[in-house]
Amino acid sequence: MLNVVLFCPEIPPNTGNIGRLCHATGATLHLIEPLGFSIDDRAVKRAGLDYWEELSPVIWPSYEAFAASVPVTAAVYFLTTKSDHVYWDASFKKGDYLVFGPETRGLPESLLEREGAKCLTIPQIAGRSLNLATSTGIVLYEAIRQITRS
């Protein structure tokens, strides 16, 4: 269906909650190293509940390794507060990738500059930010809504 990619996630419960979200929606979870925790961390499993064992996230040693695996037919979208392109204006399709950055700093500037038009944002009051799991849920369900309506 869809792919959720966490670039260097730092907070185990966020990753566990996102894993649970992926399990509930049929999305594939990709984790790009380095991770800020062990994948066996109790906090990840606690947040992911008993679904974590069924999830089988795909672990990538680097962004480059991940990027090399993406099919040419798939779109890769980068979620950031540093874009004017609102997520609901994207045209999502099956197989697309939604990339989210680490909780404390977001995606690297170099990546955002390179990807430009593929960068999307969730509108919010300046100076505020949403929890990573909340942001993932917002964008993932919009993508699902678009796919199921087409």
N, C-alpha and C. Protein backbone atom coordinates (compact mmCIF):
# COMPACT_ATOMS: atom_id res chain seq x y z
N MET A 1 0.84 -1.19 0.00
CA MET A 1 0.00 0.00 0.00
C MET A 1 0.88 1.25 0.00
N LEU A 2 1.32 1.69 1.18
CA LEU A 2 2.17 2.87 1.31
C LEU A 2 3.38 2.52 2.16
N ASN A 3 4.36 3.41 2.15
CA ASN A 3 5.59 3.21 2.91
C ASN A 3 5.82 4.42 3.81
N VAL A 4 6.07 4.16 5.09
CA VAL A 4 6.42 5.21 6.04
C VAL A 4 7.89 5.03 6.36
N VAL A 5 8.66 6.09 6.20
CA VAL A 5 10.10 6.04 6.40
C VAL A 5 10.47 7.00 7.53
N LEU A 6 11.14 6.47 8.55
CA LEU A 6 11.65 7.30 9.64
C LEU A 6 13.15 7.41 9.50
N PHE A 7 13.60 8.62 9.23
CA PHE A 7 15.02 8.92 9.06
C PHE A 7 15.62 9.20 10.44
N CYS A 8 16.46 8.29 10.91
CA CYS A 8 17.17 8.44 12.19
C CYS A 8 16.24 8.79 13.35
N PRO A 9 15.20 7.99 13.58
CA PRO A 9 14.30 8.30 14.69
C PRO A 9 15.03 8.23 16.03
N GLU A 10 14.56 9.05 16.98
CA GLU A 10 15.27 9.17 18.26
C GLU A 10 14.47 8.68 19.46
N ILE A 11 13.16 8.68 19.39
CA ILE A 11 12.33 8.42 20.56
C ILE A 11 11.58 7.10 20.39
N PRO A 12 11.93 6.09 21.19
CA PRO A 12 11.34 4.75 21.02
C PRO A 12 9.81 4.71 21.00
N PRO A 13 9.11 5.39 21.93
CA PRO A 13 7.65 5.30 21.89
C PRO A 13 7.03 5.86 20.60
N ASN A 14 7.64 6.90 20.02
CA ASN A 14 7.13 7.41 18.74
C ASN A 14 7.21 6.33 17.67
N THR A 15 8.37 5.68 17.60
CA THR A 15 8.55 4.63 16.60
C THR A 15 7.58 3.48 16.85
N GLY A 16 7.38 3.13 18.10
CA GLY A 16 6.42 2.07 18.43
C GLY A 16 5.00 2.45 18.01
N ASN A 17 4.60 3.69 18.28
CA ASN A 17 3.27 4.14 17.87
C ASN A 17 3.12 4.19 16.36
N ILE A 18 4.16 4.60 15.67
CA ILE A 18 4.12 4.64 14.21
C ILE A 18 4.08 3.22 13.65
N GLY A 19 4.80 2.31 14.30
CA GLY A 19 4.73 0.90 13.90
C GLY A 19 3.31 0.37 14.03
N ARG A 20 2.66 0.73 15.11
CA ARG A 20 1.26 0.32 15.32
C ARG A 20 0.36 0.91 14.24
N LEU A 21 0.58 2.16 13.88
CA LEU A 21 -0.16 2.82 12.82
C LEU A 21 0.06 2.10 11.48
N CYS A 22 1.30 1.75 11.19
CA CYS A 22 1.61 1.02 9.95
C CYS A 22 0.92 -0.34 9.93
N HIS A 23 0.94 -1.02 11.05
CA HIS A 23 0.27 -2.32 11.13
C HIS A 23 -1.22 -2.18 10.86
N ALA A 24 -1.84 -1.14 11.42
CA ALA A 24 -3.28 -0.93 11.28
C ALA A 24 -3.68 -0.56 9.86
N THR A 25 -2.77 0.03 9.11
CA THR A 25 -3.09 0.52 7.76
C THR A 25 -2.50 -0.33 6.64
N GLY A 26 -1.65 -1.27 6.99
CA GLY A 26 -1.00 -2.09 5.97
C GLY A 26 0.21 -1.41 5.34
N ALA A 27 0.65 -0.30 5.92
CA ALA A 27 1.83 0.40 5.40
C ALA A 27 3.09 -0.33 5.86
N THR A 28 4.15 -0.21 5.07
CA THR A 28 5.45 -0.78 5.44
C THR A 28 6.25 0.29 6.16
N LEU A 29 6.84 -0.08 7.30
CA LEU A 29 7.67 0.83 8.06
C LEU A 29 9.14 0.61 7.70
N HIS A 30 9.82 1.69 7.32
CA HIS A 30 11.25 1.68 7.01
C HIS A 30 11.95 2.54 8.07
N LEU A 31 13.04 2.04 8.61
CA LEU A 31 13.83 2.78 9.59
C LEU A 31 15.24 2.96 9.04
N ILE A 32 15.67 4.21 8.95
CA ILE A 32 17.01 4.51 8.45
C ILE A 32 17.93 4.79 9.63
N GLU A 33 19.02 4.02 9.68
CA GLU A 33 20.00 4.17 10.76
C GLU A 33 20.86 5.41 10.56
N PRO A 34 21.44 5.93 11.65
CA PRO A 34 21.43 5.35 12.99
C PRO A 34 20.13 5.65 13.72
N LEU A 35 19.69 4.67 14.50
CA LEU A 35 18.52 4.84 15.34
C LEU A 35 18.98 5.35 16.70
N GLY A 36 18.15 6.11 17.35
CA GLY A 36 18.49 6.63 18.67
C GLY A 36 18.19 5.66 19.79
N PHE A 37 17.98 4.39 19.47
CA PHE A 37 17.60 3.37 20.44
C PHE A 37 17.78 2.01 19.80
N SER A 38 17.68 0.98 20.59
CA SER A 38 17.72 -0.38 20.08
C SER A 38 16.31 -0.76 19.61
N ILE A 39 16.23 -1.44 18.51
CA ILE A 39 14.93 -1.87 17.98
C ILE A 39 14.24 -2.83 18.95
N ASP A 40 15.00 -3.41 19.85
CA ASP A 40 14.44 -4.31 20.86
C ASP A 40 14.04 -3.57 22.13
N ASP A 41 14.19 -2.25 22.14
CA ASP A 41 13.88 -1.44 23.30
C ASP A 41 12.45 -1.71 23.79
N ARG A 42 12.31 -1.88 25.08
CA ARG A 42 11.00 -2.17 25.66
C ARG A 42 9.99 -1.06 25.35
N ALA A 43 10.45 0.19 25.30
CA ALA A 43 9.54 1.30 25.03
C ALA A 43 8.96 1.22 23.62
N VAL A 44 9.75 0.76 22.66
CA VAL A 44 9.25 0.58 21.29
C VAL A 44 8.16 -0.50 21.30
N LYS A 45 8.48 -1.60 21.91
CA LYS A 45 7.53 -2.71 21.93
C LYS A 45 6.29 -2.37 22.74
N ARG A 46 6.45 -1.64 23.83
CA ARG A 46 5.30 -1.26 24.65
C ARG A 46 4.35 -0.38 23.84
N ALA A 47 4.88 0.61 23.13
CA ALA A 47 4.04 1.50 22.33
C ALA A 47 3.43 0.77 21.14
N GLY A 48 4.18 -0.17 20.58
CA GLY A 48 3.69 -0.94 19.44
C GLY A 48 2.80 -2.09 19.85
N LEU A 49 2.70 -2.31 21.17
CA LEU A 49 1.92 -3.40 21.74
C LEU A 49 2.32 -4.73 21.12
N ASP A 50 1.40 -5.64 21.03
CA ASP A 50 1.73 -6.96 20.50
C ASP A 50 1.87 -6.96 18.98
N TYR A 51 1.59 -5.83 18.34
CA TYR A 51 1.71 -5.73 16.88
C TYR A 51 3.16 -5.68 16.43
N TRP A 52 4.05 -5.25 17.31
CA TRP A 52 5.45 -5.04 16.91
C TRP A 52 6.07 -6.31 16.35
N GLU A 53 5.75 -7.44 16.92
CA GLU A 53 6.31 -8.72 16.45
C GLU A 53 5.83 -9.06 15.04
N GLU A 54 4.66 -8.59 14.66
CA GLU A 54 4.10 -8.87 13.33
C GLU A 54 4.53 -7.84 12.28
N LEU A 55 5.14 -6.77 12.71
CA LEU A 55 5.41 -5.65 11.83
C LEU A 55 6.58 -5.87 10.86
N SER A 56 7.68 -6.40 11.33
CA SER A 56 8.88 -6.60 10.53
C SER A 56 9.32 -5.33 9.79
N PRO A 57 9.75 -4.30 10.53
CA PRO A 57 10.21 -3.08 9.86
C PRO A 57 11.45 -3.36 9.01
N VAL A 58 11.60 -2.60 7.95
CA VAL A 58 12.77 -2.72 7.08
C VAL A 58 13.81 -1.73 7.61
N ILE A 59 14.99 -2.23 7.94
CA ILE A 59 16.06 -1.40 8.51
C ILE A 59 17.08 -1.11 7.42
N TRP A 60 17.41 0.17 7.24
CA TRP A 60 18.39 0.58 6.23
C TRP A 60 19.62 1.16 6.93
N PRO A 61 20.83 0.80 6.48
CA PRO A 61 22.04 1.31 7.12
C PRO A 61 22.32 2.78 6.83
N SER A 62 21.68 3.32 5.78
CA SER A 62 21.91 4.73 5.42
C SER A 62 20.78 5.21 4.51
N TYR A 63 20.69 6.53 4.36
CA TYR A 63 19.69 7.08 3.44
C TYR A 63 20.00 6.63 2.02
N GLU A 64 21.26 6.59 1.65
CA GLU A 64 21.65 6.21 0.30
C GLU A 64 21.19 4.79 -0.03
N ALA A 65 21.35 3.87 0.92
CA ALA A 65 20.91 2.49 0.71
C ALA A 65 19.39 2.44 0.53
N PHE A 66 18.68 3.20 1.35
CA PHE A 66 17.23 3.27 1.21
C PHE A 66 16.86 3.82 -0.17
N ALA A 67 17.42 4.97 -0.53
CA ALA A 67 17.07 5.64 -1.79
C ALA A 67 17.33 4.74 -3.00
N ALA A 68 18.39 3.95 -2.95
CA ALA A 68 18.71 3.05 -4.06
C ALA A 68 17.66 1.95 -4.22
N SER A 69 16.89 1.68 -3.20
CA SER A 69 15.89 0.61 -3.24
C SER A 69 14.52 1.06 -3.74
N VAL A 70 14.31 2.35 -3.83
CA VAL A 70 12.99 2.88 -4.18
C VAL A 70 12.71 2.66 -5.67
N PRO A 71 11.59 2.02 -5.99
CA PRO A 71 11.25 1.82 -7.41
C PRO A 71 11.06 3.17 -8.12
N VAL A 72 11.43 3.21 -9.39
CA VAL A 72 11.31 4.46 -10.14
C VAL A 72 9.86 4.90 -10.29
N THR A 73 8.92 4.01 -10.13
CA THR A 73 7.50 4.34 -10.27
C THR A 73 6.91 4.97 -9.01
N ALA A 74 7.65 4.94 -7.91
CA ALA A 74 7.14 5.47 -6.64
C ALA A 74 7.58 6.91 -6.43
N ALA A 75 6.71 7.68 -5.81
CA ALA A 75 7.07 9.04 -5.40
C ALA A 75 7.56 8.99 -3.96
N VAL A 76 8.52 9.84 -3.66
CA VAL A 76 9.04 9.95 -2.30
C VAL A 76 8.77 11.38 -1.85
N TYR A 77 8.02 11.51 -0.75
CA TYR A 77 7.68 12.82 -0.20
C TYR A 77 8.39 13.01 1.12
N PHE A 78 8.87 14.22 1.36
CA PHE A 78 9.63 14.55 2.55
C PHE A 78 8.83 15.54 3.38
N LEU A 79 8.51 15.16 4.61
CA LEU A 79 7.69 16.00 5.47
C LEU A 79 8.58 16.89 6.32
N THR A 80 8.25 18.19 6.31
CA THR A 80 9.08 19.18 6.99
C THR A 80 8.26 20.42 7.32
N THR A 81 8.72 21.16 8.29
CA THR A 81 8.09 22.46 8.58
C THR A 81 8.66 23.53 7.65
N LYS A 82 9.66 23.18 6.87
CA LYS A 82 10.37 24.15 6.01
C LYS A 82 9.92 24.07 4.56
N SER A 83 8.63 24.01 4.35
CA SER A 83 8.08 23.95 3.00
C SER A 83 6.79 24.74 2.95
N ASP A 84 6.44 25.21 1.77
CA ASP A 84 5.16 25.89 1.58
C ASP A 84 4.15 24.97 0.89
N HIS A 85 4.56 23.78 0.51
CA HIS A 85 3.69 22.82 -0.17
C HIS A 85 2.93 22.01 0.88
N VAL A 86 1.61 22.19 0.91
CA VAL A 86 0.79 21.52 1.91
C VAL A 86 0.54 20.07 1.50
N TYR A 87 0.59 19.17 2.46
CA TYR A 87 0.50 17.73 2.19
C TYR A 87 -0.76 17.34 1.43
N TRP A 88 -1.88 17.99 1.64
CA TRP A 88 -3.11 17.57 0.97
C TRP A 88 -3.14 17.96 -0.51
N ASP A 89 -2.18 18.78 -0.95
CA ASP A 89 -2.09 19.12 -2.37
C ASP A 89 -1.30 18.09 -3.17
N ALA A 90 -0.62 17.18 -2.49
CA ALA A 90 0.12 16.12 -3.19
C ALA A 90 -0.88 15.12 -3.76
N SER A 91 -0.48 14.43 -4.81
CA SER A 91 -1.31 13.37 -5.40
C SER A 91 -0.69 12.03 -5.05
N PHE A 92 -1.10 11.47 -3.93
CA PHE A 92 -0.54 10.22 -3.45
C PHE A 92 -1.08 9.03 -4.24
N LYS A 93 -0.23 8.02 -4.37
CA LYS A 93 -0.66 6.78 -5.02
C LYS A 93 -0.05 5.58 -4.29
N LYS A 94 -0.59 4.41 -4.55
CA LYS A 94 -0.07 3.19 -3.92
C LYS A 94 1.43 3.08 -4.19
N GLY A 95 2.15 2.64 -3.16
CA GLY A 95 3.58 2.44 -3.30
C GLY A 95 4.43 3.65 -2.97
N ASP A 96 3.81 4.82 -2.73
CA ASP A 96 4.58 6.02 -2.41
C ASP A 96 5.24 5.90 -1.04
N TYR A 97 6.22 6.76 -0.82
CA TYR A 97 6.99 6.80 0.42
C TYR A 97 6.80 8.15 1.10
N LEU A 98 6.57 8.12 2.39
CA LEU A 98 6.45 9.32 3.22
C LEU A 98 7.62 9.33 4.18
N VAL A 99 8.53 10.29 4.04
CA VAL A 99 9.76 10.32 4.82
C VAL A 99 9.65 11.40 5.90
N PHE A 100 9.90 10.98 7.14
CA PHE A 100 9.84 11.88 8.29
C PHE A 100 11.21 11.90 8.97
N GLY A 101 11.61 13.07 9.44
CA GLY A 101 12.92 13.23 10.07
C GLY A 101 12.91 12.97 11.56
N PRO A 102 14.09 13.05 12.18
CA PRO A 102 14.20 12.84 13.62
C PRO A 102 13.43 13.91 14.40
N GLU A 103 12.96 13.52 15.55
CA GLU A 103 12.09 14.38 16.35
C GLU A 103 12.71 15.72 16.73
N THR A 104 14.00 15.76 17.03
CA THR A 104 14.60 16.99 17.55
C THR A 104 15.12 17.96 16.50
N ARG A 105 15.27 17.49 15.26
CA ARG A 105 15.88 18.38 14.26
C ARG A 105 15.28 18.29 12.87
N GLY A 106 14.45 17.32 12.60
CA GLY A 106 13.86 17.18 11.27
C GLY A 106 14.87 16.65 10.25
N LEU A 107 14.44 16.63 9.00
CA LEU A 107 15.29 16.13 7.93
C LEU A 107 16.45 17.09 7.64
N PRO A 108 17.59 16.56 7.18
CA PRO A 108 18.74 17.41 6.89
C PRO A 108 18.43 18.45 5.80
N GLU A 109 18.95 19.65 6.00
CA GLU A 109 18.76 20.74 5.03
C GLU A 109 19.21 20.33 3.63
N SER A 110 20.33 19.61 3.54
CA SER A 110 20.85 19.20 2.23
C SER A 110 19.83 18.34 1.49
N LEU A 111 19.15 17.47 2.19
CA LEU A 111 18.13 16.62 1.58
C LEU A 111 16.93 17.45 1.15
N LEU A 112 16.50 18.37 1.99
CA LEU A 112 15.35 19.21 1.65
C LEU A 112 15.65 20.10 0.44
N GLU A 113 16.84 20.65 0.38
CA GLU A 113 17.23 21.49 -0.76
C GLU A 113 17.25 20.68 -2.05
N ARG A 114 17.75 19.47 -1.98
CA ARG A 114 17.84 18.61 -3.17
C ARG A 114 16.46 18.19 -3.66
N GLU A 115 15.51 17.97 -2.75
CA GLU A 115 14.20 17.42 -3.11
C GLU A 115 13.14 18.49 -3.40
N GLY A 116 13.32 19.71 -2.93
CA GLY A 116 12.47 20.84 -3.26
C GLY A 116 10.98 20.59 -3.31
N ALA A 117 10.44 20.38 -4.51
CA ALA A 117 9.00 20.26 -4.72
C ALA A 117 8.40 19.01 -4.07
N LYS A 118 9.23 18.06 -3.71
CA LYS A 118 8.74 16.83 -3.05
C LYS A 118 8.62 17.02 -1.54
N CYS A 119 8.93 18.22 -1.05
CA CYS A 119 8.83 18.52 0.38
C CYS A 119 7.43 19.02 0.69
N LEU A 120 6.83 18.45 1.72
CA LEU A 120 5.47 18.78 2.11
C LEU A 120 5.44 19.20 3.57
N THR A 121 4.42 19.99 3.91
CA THR A 121 4.28 20.43 5.29
C THR A 121 2.85 20.24 5.78
N ILE A 122 2.69 20.20 7.08
CA ILE A 122 1.38 20.20 7.74
C ILE A 122 1.23 21.61 8.30
N PRO A 123 0.21 22.36 7.86
CA PRO A 123 0.05 23.72 8.38
C PRO A 123 -0.11 23.73 9.91
N GLN A 124 0.59 24.65 10.55
CA GLN A 124 0.49 24.81 11.99
C GLN A 124 0.98 26.19 12.38
N ILE A 125 0.69 26.62 13.56
CA ILE A 125 1.11 27.93 14.05
C ILE A 125 2.63 27.99 14.09
N ALA A 126 3.20 29.09 13.61
CA ALA A 126 4.65 29.26 13.59
C ALA A 126 5.23 29.04 14.98
N GLY A 127 6.36 28.35 15.01
CA GLY A 127 7.04 28.09 16.27
C GLY A 127 6.52 26.88 17.02
N ARG A 128 5.51 26.23 16.48
CA ARG A 128 4.95 25.04 17.12
C ARG A 128 5.30 23.83 16.28
N SER A 129 5.22 22.66 16.87
CA SER A 129 5.44 21.46 16.08
C SER A 129 4.60 20.33 16.66
N LEU A 130 4.22 19.42 15.79
CA LEU A 130 3.43 18.26 16.18
C LEU A 130 4.33 17.09 16.53
N ASN A 131 3.83 16.20 17.33
CA ASN A 131 4.52 14.96 17.64
C ASN A 131 4.71 14.16 16.35
N LEU A 132 5.80 13.44 16.24
CA LEU A 132 6.12 12.67 15.04
C LEU A 132 5.04 11.65 14.71
N ALA A 133 4.55 10.93 15.70
CA ALA A 133 3.50 9.94 15.45
C ALA A 133 2.21 10.60 14.98
N THR A 134 1.89 11.75 15.54
CA THR A 134 0.69 12.49 15.11
C THR A 134 0.84 12.94 13.67
N SER A 135 1.99 13.51 13.34
CA SER A 135 2.25 13.97 11.97
C SER A 135 2.16 12.82 10.97
N THR A 136 2.72 11.69 11.34
CA THR A 136 2.68 10.52 10.46
C THR A 136 1.24 10.09 10.22
N GLY A 137 0.43 10.06 11.27
CA GLY A 137 -0.97 9.67 11.13
C GLY A 137 -1.75 10.61 10.23
N ILE A 138 -1.51 11.90 10.38
CA ILE A 138 -2.22 12.90 9.57
C ILE A 138 -1.95 12.67 8.08
N VAL A 139 -0.69 12.58 7.73
CA VAL A 139 -0.30 12.47 6.31
C VAL A 139 -0.64 11.08 5.75
N LEU A 140 -0.39 10.04 6.52
CA LEU A 140 -0.68 8.69 6.06
C LEU A 140 -2.17 8.52 5.75
N TYR A 141 -3.02 9.03 6.62
CA TYR A 141 -4.46 8.86 6.37
C TYR A 141 -4.96 9.73 5.22
N GLU A 142 -4.32 10.87 4.97
CA GLU A 142 -4.69 11.64 3.78
C GLU A 142 -4.31 10.85 2.52
N ALA A 143 -3.13 10.24 2.54
CA ALA A 143 -2.70 9.43 1.39
C ALA A 143 -3.67 8.27 1.17
N ILE A 144 -4.07 7.61 2.25
CA ILE A 144 -5.02 6.51 2.13
C ILE A 144 -6.36 7.00 1.59
N ARG A 145 -6.80 8.16 2.09
CA ARG A 145 -8.07 8.73 1.61
C ARG A 145 -8.02 8.96 0.10
N GLN A 146 -6.93 9.55 -0.36
CA GLN A 146 -6.80 9.81 -1.81
C GLN A 146 -6.78 8.52 -2.60
N ILE A 147 -6.04 7.53 -2.14
CA ILE A 147 -5.90 6.27 -2.87
C ILE A 147 -7.23 5.54 -2.94
N THR A 148 -7.97 5.52 -1.86
CA THR A 148 -9.23 4.78 -1.85
C THR A 148 -10.33 5.50 -2.63
N ARG A 149 -10.17 6.79 -2.88
CA ARG A 149 -11.16 7.53 -3.66
C ARG A 149 -10.89 7.47 -5.16
N SER A 150 -9.70 7.05 -5.54
CA SER A 150 -9.37 7.05 -6.98
C SER A 150 -9.69 5.74 -7.64
